[in-house]
């Protein structure tokens, strides 16, 4: 079952912190990870947010184990992600 995950960091997060996180993950060969279909980073009301679509919750959880230490190193508290089961995806 595919899942949509929405992250709203519980602390102020800058684009520089986000960019550094992506850079570190890419250098480690961990980004994009297996099972991640889409990753979107955007601003909403001045706050940085991330939404992702994953093939499975298990793949998301496996990546989370590698992601969390990197987030801690760059000073991002991801907060509690919102998880939603996907009923349908339509692509153009």
PDB file of N, CA and C in Angstrom:
ATOM      1  N   UNK A   1       0.846  -1.185   0.000  1.00  0.00           N
ATOM      2  CA  UNK A   1       0.000   0.000   0.000  1.00  0.00           C
ATOM      3  C   UNK A   1       0.879   1.231   0.000  1.00  0.00           C
ATOM      4  N   UNK A   2       0.703   2.123  -0.964  1.00  0.00           N
ATOM      5  CA  UNK A   2       1.451   3.371  -1.023  1.00  0.00           C
ATOM      6  C   UNK A   2       0.988   4.315   0.081  1.00  0.00           C
ATOM      7  N   UNK A   3       1.925   5.151   0.539  1.00  0.00           N
ATOM      8  CA  UNK A   3       1.601   6.116   1.585  1.00  0.00           C
ATOM      9  C   UNK A   3       2.084   7.504   1.190  1.00  0.00           C
ATOM     10  N   UNK A   4       1.327   8.494   1.608  1.00  0.00           N
ATOM     11  CA  UNK A   4       1.705   9.896   1.485  1.00  0.00           C
ATOM     12  C   UNK A   4       2.153  10.330   2.865  1.00  0.00           C
ATOM     13  N   UNK A   5       3.318  10.959   2.931  1.00  0.00           N
ATOM     14  CA  UNK A   5       3.861  11.431   4.202  1.00  0.00           C
ATOM     15  C   UNK A   5       4.050  12.931   4.099  1.00  0.00           C
ATOM     16  N   UNK A   6       3.556  13.646   5.111  1.00  0.00           N
ATOM     17  CA  UNK A   6       3.715  15.097   5.135  1.00  0.00           C
ATOM     18  C   UNK A   6       4.464  15.484   6.407  1.00  0.00           C
ATOM     19  N   UNK A   7       5.582  16.173   6.190  1.00  0.00           N
ATOM     20  CA  UNK A   7       6.418  16.610   7.308  1.00  0.00           C
ATOM     21  C   UNK A   7       6.280  18.107   7.493  1.00  0.00           C
ATOM     22  N   UNK A   8       6.012  18.513   8.717  1.00  0.00           N
ATOM     23  CA  UNK A   8       6.028  19.908   9.102  1.00  0.00           C
ATOM     24  C   UNK A   8       6.987  20.002  10.275  1.00  0.00           C
ATOM     25  N   UNK A   9       8.232  20.451  10.038  1.00  0.00           N
ATOM     26  CA  UNK A   9       9.206  20.503  11.131  1.00  0.00           C
ATOM     27  C   UNK A   9       8.654  21.273  12.323  1.00  0.00           C
ATOM     28  N   UNK A  10       8.959  20.764  13.529  1.00  0.00           N
ATOM     29  CA  UNK A  10       8.458  21.428  14.728  1.00  0.00           C
ATOM     30  C   UNK A  10       9.346  22.594  15.152  1.00  0.00           C
ATOM     31  N   UNK A  11      10.478  22.758  14.473  1.00  0.00           N
ATOM     32  CA  UNK A  11      11.336  23.910  14.726  1.00  0.00           C
ATOM     33  C   UNK A  11      11.525  24.661  13.408  1.00  0.00           C
ATOM     34  N   UNK A  12      11.898  25.929  13.504  1.00  0.00           N
ATOM     35  CA  UNK A  12      12.146  26.713  12.289  1.00  0.00           C
ATOM     36  C   UNK A  12      13.260  26.036  11.496  1.00  0.00           C
ATOM     37  N   UNK A  13      13.001  25.775  10.231  1.00  0.00           N
ATOM     38  CA  UNK A  13      13.962  25.098   9.363  1.00  0.00           C
ATOM     39  C   UNK A  13      14.243  25.982   8.165  1.00  0.00           C
ATOM     40  N   UNK A  14      15.517  26.128   7.842  1.00  0.00           N
ATOM     41  CA  UNK A  14      15.900  26.973   6.720  1.00  0.00           C
ATOM     42  C   UNK A  14      16.118  26.137   5.464  1.00  0.00           C
ATOM     43  N   UNK A  15      16.078  26.812   4.326  1.00  0.00           N
ATOM     44  CA  UNK A  15      16.385  26.142   3.058  1.00  0.00           C
ATOM     45  C   UNK A  15      17.822  25.629   3.073  1.00  0.00           C
ATOM     46  N   UNK A  16      18.706  26.338   3.752  1.00  0.00           N
ATOM     47  CA  UNK A  16      20.105  25.897   3.842  1.00  0.00           C
ATOM     48  C   UNK A  16      20.221  24.586   4.604  1.00  0.00           C
ATOM     49  N   UNK A  17      19.474  24.430   5.701  1.00  0.00           N
ATOM     50  CA  UNK A  17      19.483  23.164   6.445  1.00  0.00           C
ATOM     51  C   UNK A  17      18.936  22.036   5.575  1.00  0.00           C
ATOM     52  N   UNK A  18      17.854  22.319   4.869  1.00  0.00           N
ATOM     53  CA  UNK A  18      17.274  21.313   3.973  1.00  0.00           C
ATOM     54  C   UNK A  18      18.289  20.918   2.900  1.00  0.00           C
ATOM     55  N   UNK A  19      18.896  21.904   2.245  1.00  0.00           N
ATOM     56  CA  UNK A  19      19.865  21.632   1.183  1.00  0.00           C
ATOM     57  C   UNK A  19      21.053  20.824   1.701  1.00  0.00           C
ATOM     58  N   UNK A  20      21.500  21.137   2.908  1.00  0.00           N
ATOM     59  CA  UNK A  20      22.615  20.400   3.508  1.00  0.00           C
ATOM     60  C   UNK A  20      22.215  18.947   3.786  1.00  0.00           C
ATOM     61  N   UNK A  21      20.998  18.748   4.230  1.00  0.00           N
ATOM     62  CA  UNK A  21      20.509  17.388   4.472  1.00  0.00           C
ATOM     63  C   UNK A  21      20.513  16.588   3.181  1.00  0.00           C
ATOM     64  N   UNK A  22      19.979  17.158   2.118  1.00  0.00           N
ATOM     65  CA  UNK A  22      19.938  16.468   0.825  1.00  0.00           C
ATOM     66  C   UNK A  22      21.351  16.184   0.331  1.00  0.00           C
ATOM     67  N   UNK A  23      22.247  17.155   0.472  1.00  0.00           N
ATOM     68  CA  UNK A  23      23.637  16.971   0.030  1.00  0.00           C
ATOM     69  C   UNK A  23      24.288  15.795   0.761  1.00  0.00           C
ATOM     70  N   UNK A  24      24.112  15.734   2.076  1.00  0.00           N
ATOM     71  CA  UNK A  24      24.710  14.644   2.870  1.00  0.00           C
ATOM     72  C   UNK A  24      24.129  13.285   2.483  1.00  0.00           C
ATOM     73  N   UNK A  25      22.824  13.244   2.283  1.00  0.00           N
ATOM     74  CA  UNK A  25      22.191  11.975   1.900  1.00  0.00           C
ATOM     75  C   UNK A  25      22.670  11.527   0.526  1.00  0.00           C
ATOM     76  N   UNK A  26      22.784  12.454  -0.411  1.00  0.00           N
ATOM     77  CA  UNK A  26      23.258  12.103  -1.754  1.00  0.00           C
ATOM     78  C   UNK A  26      24.702  11.629  -1.718  1.00  0.00           C
ATOM     79  N   UNK A  27      25.541  12.303  -0.947  1.00  0.00           N
ATOM     80  CA  UNK A  27      26.939  11.887  -0.848  1.00  0.00           C
ATOM     81  C   UNK A  27      27.077  10.496  -0.240  1.00  0.00           C
ATOM     82  N   UNK A  28      26.166  10.140   0.664  1.00  0.00           N
ATOM     83  CA  UNK A  28      26.188   8.817   1.293  1.00  0.00           C
ATOM     84  C   UNK A  28      25.539   7.753   0.401  1.00  0.00           C
ATOM     85  N   UNK A  29      24.968   8.185  -0.739  1.00  0.00           N
ATOM     86  CA  UNK A  29      24.289   7.247  -1.628  1.00  0.00           C
ATOM     87  C   UNK A  29      22.903   6.865  -1.149  1.00  0.00           C
ATOM     88  N   UNK A  30      22.338   7.663  -0.235  1.00  0.00           N
ATOM     89  CA  UNK A  30      21.036   7.366   0.359  1.00  0.00           C
ATOM     90  C   UNK A  30      19.880   8.186  -0.207  1.00  0.00           C
ATOM     91  N   UNK A  31      20.123   8.931  -1.298  1.00  0.00           N
ATOM     92  CA  UNK A  31      19.030   9.763  -1.808  1.00  0.00           C
ATOM     93  C   UNK A  31      19.116   9.870  -3.314  1.00  0.00           C
ATOM     94  N   UNK A  32      18.049   9.603  -4.013  1.00  0.00           N
ATOM     95  CA  UNK A  32      16.755   9.173  -3.488  1.00  0.00           C
ATOM     96  C   UNK A  32      16.803   7.702  -3.075  1.00  0.00           C
ATOM     97  N   UNK A  33      16.111   7.370  -2.005  1.00  0.00           N
ATOM     98  CA  UNK A  33      16.136   6.001  -1.495  1.00  0.00           C
ATOM     99  C   UNK A  33      15.160   5.088  -2.244  1.00  0.00           C
ATOM    100  N   UNK A  34      15.392   3.776  -2.164  1.00  0.00           N
ATOM    101  CA  UNK A  34      14.448   2.830  -2.762  1.00  0.00           C
ATOM    102  C   UNK A  34      13.056   3.003  -2.158  1.00  0.00           C
ATOM    103  N   UNK A  35      12.055   2.996  -3.005  1.00  0.00           N
ATOM    104  CA  UNK A  35      10.674   3.083  -2.536  1.00  0.00           C
ATOM    105  C   UNK A  35      10.093   4.470  -2.520  1.00  0.00           C
ATOM    106  N   UNK A  36      10.940   5.514  -2.637  1.00  0.00           N
ATOM    107  CA  UNK A  36      10.420   6.877  -2.666  1.00  0.00           C
ATOM    108  C   UNK A  36      10.013   7.208  -4.102  1.00  0.00           C
ATOM    109  N   UNK A  37       8.732   7.434  -4.291  1.00  0.00           N
ATOM    110  CA  UNK A  37       8.212   7.749  -5.618  1.00  0.00           C
ATOM    111  C   UNK A  37       8.351   9.240  -5.935  1.00  0.00           C
ATOM    112  N   UNK A  38       7.995  10.093  -4.956  1.00  0.00           N
ATOM    113  CA  UNK A  38       8.062  11.552  -5.127  1.00  0.00           C
ATOM    114  C   UNK A  38       8.545  12.201  -3.840  1.00  0.00           C
ATOM    115  N   UNK A  39       9.255  13.297  -3.996  1.00  0.00           N
ATOM    116  CA  UNK A  39       9.700  14.113  -2.866  1.00  0.00           C
ATOM    117  C   UNK A  39       9.499  15.562  -3.290  1.00  0.00           C
ATOM    118  N   UNK A  40       8.756  16.318  -2.497  1.00  0.00           N
ATOM    119  CA  UNK A  40       8.483  17.716  -2.810  1.00  0.00           C
ATOM    120  C   UNK A  40       8.763  18.545  -1.565  1.00  0.00           C
ATOM    121  N   UNK A  41       9.622  19.555  -1.719  1.00  0.00           N
ATOM    122  CA  UNK A  41       9.900  20.497  -0.638  1.00  0.00           C
ATOM    123  C   UNK A  41       9.300  21.835  -1.048  1.00  0.00           C
ATOM    124  N   UNK A  42       8.589  22.484  -0.131  1.00  0.00           N
ATOM    125  CA  UNK A  42       7.911  23.733  -0.474  1.00  0.00           C
ATOM    126  C   UNK A  42       7.749  24.605   0.770  1.00  0.00           C
ATOM    127  N   UNK A  43       7.412  25.862   0.541  1.00  0.00           N
ATOM    128  CA  UNK A  43       7.120  26.791   1.626  1.00  0.00           C
ATOM    129  C   UNK A  43       5.609  26.937   1.759  1.00  0.00           C
ATOM    130  N   UNK A  44       5.143  26.936   2.987  1.00  0.00           N
ATOM    131  CA  UNK A  44       3.733  27.168   3.273  1.00  0.00           C
ATOM    132  C   UNK A  44       3.670  28.113   4.465  1.00  0.00           C
ATOM    133  N   UNK A  45       3.091  29.271   4.267  1.00  0.00           N
ATOM    134  CA  UNK A  45       3.020  30.295   5.321  1.00  0.00           C
ATOM    135  C   UNK A  45       4.400  30.584   5.900  1.00  0.00           C
ATOM    136  N   UNK A  46       5.420  30.598   5.052  1.00  0.00           N
ATOM    137  CA  UNK A  46       6.775  30.904   5.476  1.00  0.00           C
ATOM    138  C   UNK A  46       7.529  29.757   6.124  1.00  0.00           C
ATOM    139  N   UNK A  47       6.894  28.590   6.233  1.00  0.00           N
ATOM    140  CA  UNK A  47       7.539  27.425   6.846  1.00  0.00           C
ATOM    141  C   UNK A  47       7.892  26.402   5.781  1.00  0.00           C
ATOM    142  N   UNK A  48       9.072  25.802   5.932  1.00  0.00           N
ATOM    143  CA  UNK A  48       9.515  24.759   5.023  1.00  0.00           C
ATOM    144  C   UNK A  48       8.774  23.464   5.343  1.00  0.00           C
ATOM    145  N   UNK A  49       8.265  22.814   4.312  1.00  0.00           N
ATOM    146  CA  UNK A  49       7.544  21.545   4.487  1.00  0.00           C
ATOM    147  C   UNK A  49       7.976  20.573   3.407  1.00  0.00           C
ATOM    148  N   UNK A  50       7.785  19.289   3.683  1.00  0.00           N
ATOM    149  CA  UNK A  50       8.134  18.231   2.736  1.00  0.00           C
ATOM    150  C   UNK A  50       6.984  17.244   2.668  1.00  0.00           C
ATOM    151  N   UNK A  51       6.637  16.853   1.443  1.00  0.00           N
ATOM    152  CA  UNK A  51       5.664  15.777   1.227  1.00  0.00           C
ATOM    153  C   UNK A  51       6.328  14.733   0.345  1.00  0.00           C
ATOM    154  N   UNK A  52       6.036  13.463   0.640  1.00  0.00           N
ATOM    155  CA  UNK A  52       6.609  12.364  -0.126  1.00  0.00           C
ATOM    156  C   UNK A  52       5.557  11.297  -0.363  1.00  0.00           C
ATOM    157  N   UNK A  53       5.726  10.575  -1.463  1.00  0.00           N
ATOM    158  CA  UNK A  53       4.928   9.383  -1.726  1.00  0.00           C
ATOM    159  C   UNK A  53       5.885   8.209  -1.739  1.00  0.00           C
ATOM    160  N   UNK A  54       5.536   7.188  -0.973  1.00  0.00           N
ATOM    161  CA  UNK A  54       6.357   5.988  -0.823  1.00  0.00           C
ATOM    162  C   UNK A  54       5.584   4.764  -1.277  1.00  0.00           C
ATOM    163  N   UNK A  55       6.329   3.789  -1.824  1.00  0.00           N
ATOM    164  CA  UNK A  55       5.714   2.524  -2.240  1.00  0.00           C
ATOM    165  C   UNK A  55       5.156   1.755  -1.049  1.00  0.00           C
ATOM    166  N   UNK A  56       5.838   1.865   0.112  1.00  0.00           N
ATOM    167  CA  UNK A  56       5.362   1.149   1.298  1.00  0.00           C
ATOM    168  C   UNK A  56       5.850   1.835   2.570  1.00  0.00           C
ATOM    169  N   UNK A  57       5.148   1.576   3.631  1.00  0.00           N
ATOM    170  CA  UNK A  57       5.525   2.103   4.954  1.00  0.00           C
ATOM    171  C   UNK A  57       6.860   1.499   5.397  1.00  0.00           C
ATOM    172  N   UNK A  58       7.099   0.243   5.048  1.00  0.00           N
ATOM    173  CA  UNK A  58       8.338  -0.429   5.436  1.00  0.00           C
ATOM    174  C   UNK A  58       9.561   0.255   4.816  1.00  0.00           C
ATOM    175  N   UNK A  59       9.456   0.657   3.553  1.00  0.00           N
ATOM    176  CA  UNK A  59      10.571   1.339   2.894  1.00  0.00           C
ATOM    177  C   UNK A  59      10.800   2.719   3.512  1.00  0.00           C
ATOM    178  N   UNK A  60       9.723   3.411   3.845  1.00  0.00           N
ATOM    179  CA  UNK A  60       9.833   4.699   4.519  1.00  0.00           C
ATOM    180  C   UNK A  60      10.523   4.529   5.866  1.00  0.00           C
ATOM    181  N   UNK A  61      10.111   3.541   6.639  1.00  0.00           N
ATOM    182  CA  UNK A  61      10.701   3.306   7.952  1.00  0.00           C
ATOM    183  C   UNK A  61      12.192   2.984   7.849  1.00  0.00           C
ATOM    184  N   UNK A  62      12.571   2.172   6.851  1.00  0.00           N
ATOM    185  CA  UNK A  62      13.976   1.818   6.666  1.00  0.00           C
ATOM    186  C   UNK A  62      14.804   3.062   6.351  1.00  0.00           C
ATOM    187  N   UNK A  63      14.282   3.945   5.508  1.00  0.00           N
ATOM    188  CA  UNK A  63      14.989   5.182   5.190  1.00  0.00           C
ATOM    189  C   UNK A  63      15.047   6.100   6.408  1.00  0.00           C
ATOM    190  N   UNK A  64      13.979   6.136   7.178  1.00  0.00           N
ATOM    191  CA  UNK A  64      13.937   6.975   8.371  1.00  0.00           C
ATOM    192  C   UNK A  64      15.064   6.677   9.338  1.00  0.00           C
ATOM    193  N   UNK A  65      15.479   5.428   9.434  1.00  0.00           N
ATOM    194  CA  UNK A  65      16.580   5.056  10.322  1.00  0.00           C
ATOM    195  C   UNK A  65      17.890   5.704   9.881  1.00  0.00           C
ATOM    196  N   UNK A  66      18.058   5.918   8.583  1.00  0.00           N
ATOM    197  CA  UNK A  66      19.267   6.581   8.074  1.00  0.00           C
ATOM    198  C   UNK A  66      19.105   8.104   8.067  1.00  0.00           C
ATOM    199  N   UNK A  67      17.870   8.569   7.895  1.00  0.00           N
ATOM    200  CA  UNK A  67      17.603  10.000   7.806  1.00  0.00           C
ATOM    201  C   UNK A  67      17.694  10.718   9.153  1.00  0.00           C
ATOM    202  N   UNK A  68      17.147  10.127  10.192  1.00  0.00           N
ATOM    203  CA  UNK A  68      17.043  10.818  11.482  1.00  0.00           C
ATOM    204  C   UNK A  68      18.386  11.309  12.026  1.00  0.00           C
ATOM    205  N   UNK A  69      19.469  10.521  11.969  1.00  0.00           N
ATOM    206  CA  UNK A  69      20.755  11.051  12.449  1.00  0.00           C
ATOM    207  C   UNK A  69      21.238  12.257  11.641  1.00  0.00           C
ATOM    208  N   UNK A  70      20.983  12.261  10.341  1.00  0.00           N
ATOM    209  CA  UNK A  70      21.393  13.389   9.495  1.00  0.00           C
ATOM    210  C   UNK A  70      20.596  14.632   9.879  1.00  0.00           C
ATOM    211  N   UNK A  71      19.302  14.478  10.080  1.00  0.00           N
ATOM    212  CA  UNK A  71      18.480  15.625  10.489  1.00  0.00           C
ATOM    213  C   UNK A  71      18.977  16.193  11.813  1.00  0.00           C
ATOM    214  N   UNK A  72      19.321  15.326  12.760  1.00  0.00           N
ATOM    215  CA  UNK A  72      19.821  15.782  14.058  1.00  0.00           C
ATOM    216  C   UNK A  72      21.128  16.555  13.891  1.00  0.00           C
ATOM    217  N   UNK A  73      22.001  16.076  13.010  1.00  0.00           N
ATOM    218  CA  UNK A  73      23.290  16.738  12.783  1.00  0.00           C
ATOM    219  C   UNK A  73      23.132  18.150  12.223  1.00  0.00           C
ATOM    220  N   UNK A  74      22.130  18.361  11.367  1.00  0.00           N
ATOM    221  CA  UNK A  74      21.944  19.695  10.772  1.00  0.00           C
ATOM    222  C   UNK A  74      20.947  20.552  11.560  1.00  0.00           C
ATOM    223  N   UNK A  75      20.413  20.005  12.648  1.00  0.00           N
ATOM    224  CA  UNK A  75      19.549  20.791  13.525  1.00  0.00           C
ATOM    225  C   UNK A  75      18.095  20.866  13.116  1.00  0.00           C
ATOM    226  N   UNK A  76      17.596  19.833  12.422  1.00  0.00           N
ATOM    227  CA  UNK A  76      16.186  19.809  12.029  1.00  0.00           C
ATOM    228  C   UNK A  76      15.430  18.833  12.914  1.00  0.00           C
ATOM    229  N   UNK A  77      14.365  19.323  13.536  1.00  0.00           N
ATOM    230  CA  UNK A  77      13.439  18.453  14.270  1.00  0.00           C
ATOM    231  C   UNK A  77      12.238  18.249  13.352  1.00  0.00           C
ATOM    232  N   UNK A  78      12.100  17.046  12.759  1.00  0.00           N
ATOM    233  CA  UNK A  78      11.056  16.857  11.752  1.00  0.00           C
ATOM    234  C   UNK A  78       9.632  16.836  12.303  1.00  0.00           C
ATOM    235  N   UNK A  79       9.488  16.804  13.614  1.00  0.00           N
ATOM    236  CA  UNK A  79       8.151  16.708  14.171  1.00  0.00           C
ATOM    237  C   UNK A  79       7.560  15.335  13.897  1.00  0.00           C
ATOM    238  N   UNK A  80       6.291  15.208  14.124  1.00  0.00           N
ATOM    239  CA  UNK A  80       5.590  13.938  13.888  1.00  0.00           C
ATOM    240  C   UNK A  80       4.973  13.979  12.496  1.00  0.00           C
ATOM    241  N   UNK A  81       5.414  13.093  11.595  1.00  0.00           N
ATOM    242  CA  UNK A  81       4.871  13.138  10.235  1.00  0.00           C
ATOM    243  C   UNK A  81       3.409  12.683  10.183  1.00  0.00           C
ATOM    244  N   UNK A  82       2.694  13.256   9.260  1.00  0.00           N
ATOM    245  CA  UNK A  82       1.320  12.825   8.997  1.00  0.00           C
ATOM    246  C   UNK A  82       1.386  11.738   7.931  1.00  0.00           C
ATOM    247  N   UNK A  83       0.792  10.577   8.193  1.00  0.00           N
ATOM    248  CA  UNK A  83       0.808   9.440   7.272  1.00  0.00           C
ATOM    249  C   UNK A  83      -0.603   9.183   6.750  1.00  0.00           C
ATOM    250  N   UNK A  84      -0.702   9.080   5.425  1.00  0.00           N
ATOM    251  CA  UNK A  84      -2.000   8.856   4.807  1.00  0.00           C
ATOM    252  C   UNK A  84      -1.877   7.725   3.790  1.00  0.00           C
ATOM    253  N   UNK A  85      -2.774   6.755   3.860  1.00  0.00           N
ATOM    254  CA  UNK A  85      -2.785   5.698   2.850  1.00  0.00           C
ATOM    255  C   UNK A  85      -3.328   6.264   1.551  1.00  0.00           C
ATOM    256  N   UNK A  86      -2.690   5.902   0.449  1.00  0.00           N
ATOM    257  CA  UNK A  86      -3.096   6.407  -0.857  1.00  0.00           C
ATOM    258  C   UNK A  86      -4.108   5.453  -1.474  1.00  0.00           C
ATOM    259  N   UNK A  87      -5.210   5.996  -1.910  1.00  0.00           N
ATOM    260  CA  UNK A  87      -6.237   5.199  -2.579  1.00  0.00           C
ATOM    261  C   UNK A  87      -5.966   5.084  -4.076  1.00  0.00           C
ATOM    262  N   UNK A  88      -5.478   6.194  -4.678  1.00  0.00           N
ATOM    263  CA  UNK A  88      -5.291   6.200  -6.126  1.00  0.00           C
ATOM    264  C   UNK A  88      -4.287   7.261  -6.505  1.00  0.00           C
ATOM    265  N   UNK A  89      -3.491   6.975  -7.519  1.00  0.00           N
ATOM    266  CA  UNK A  89      -2.566   7.951  -8.095  1.00  0.00           C
ATOM    267  C   UNK A  89      -2.842   8.006  -9.600  1.00  0.00           C
ATOM    268  N   UNK A  90      -3.023   9.205 -10.110  1.00  0.00           N
ATOM    269  CA  UNK A  90      -3.228   9.392 -11.548  1.00  0.00           C
ATOM    270  C   UNK A  90      -2.077  10.240 -12.051  1.00  0.00           C
ATOM    271  N   UNK A  91      -1.395   9.753 -13.058  1.00  0.00           N
ATOM    272  CA  UNK A  91      -0.274  10.493 -13.653  1.00  0.00           C
ATOM    273  C   UNK A  91      -0.652  10.953 -15.030  1.00  0.00           C
ATOM    274  N   UNK A  92      -0.070  12.068 -15.439  1.00  0.00           N
ATOM    275  CA  UNK A  92      -0.357  12.527 -16.789  1.00  0.00           C
ATOM    276  C   UNK A  92       0.525  11.820 -17.789  1.00  0.00           C
TER     277      UNK A  92
END
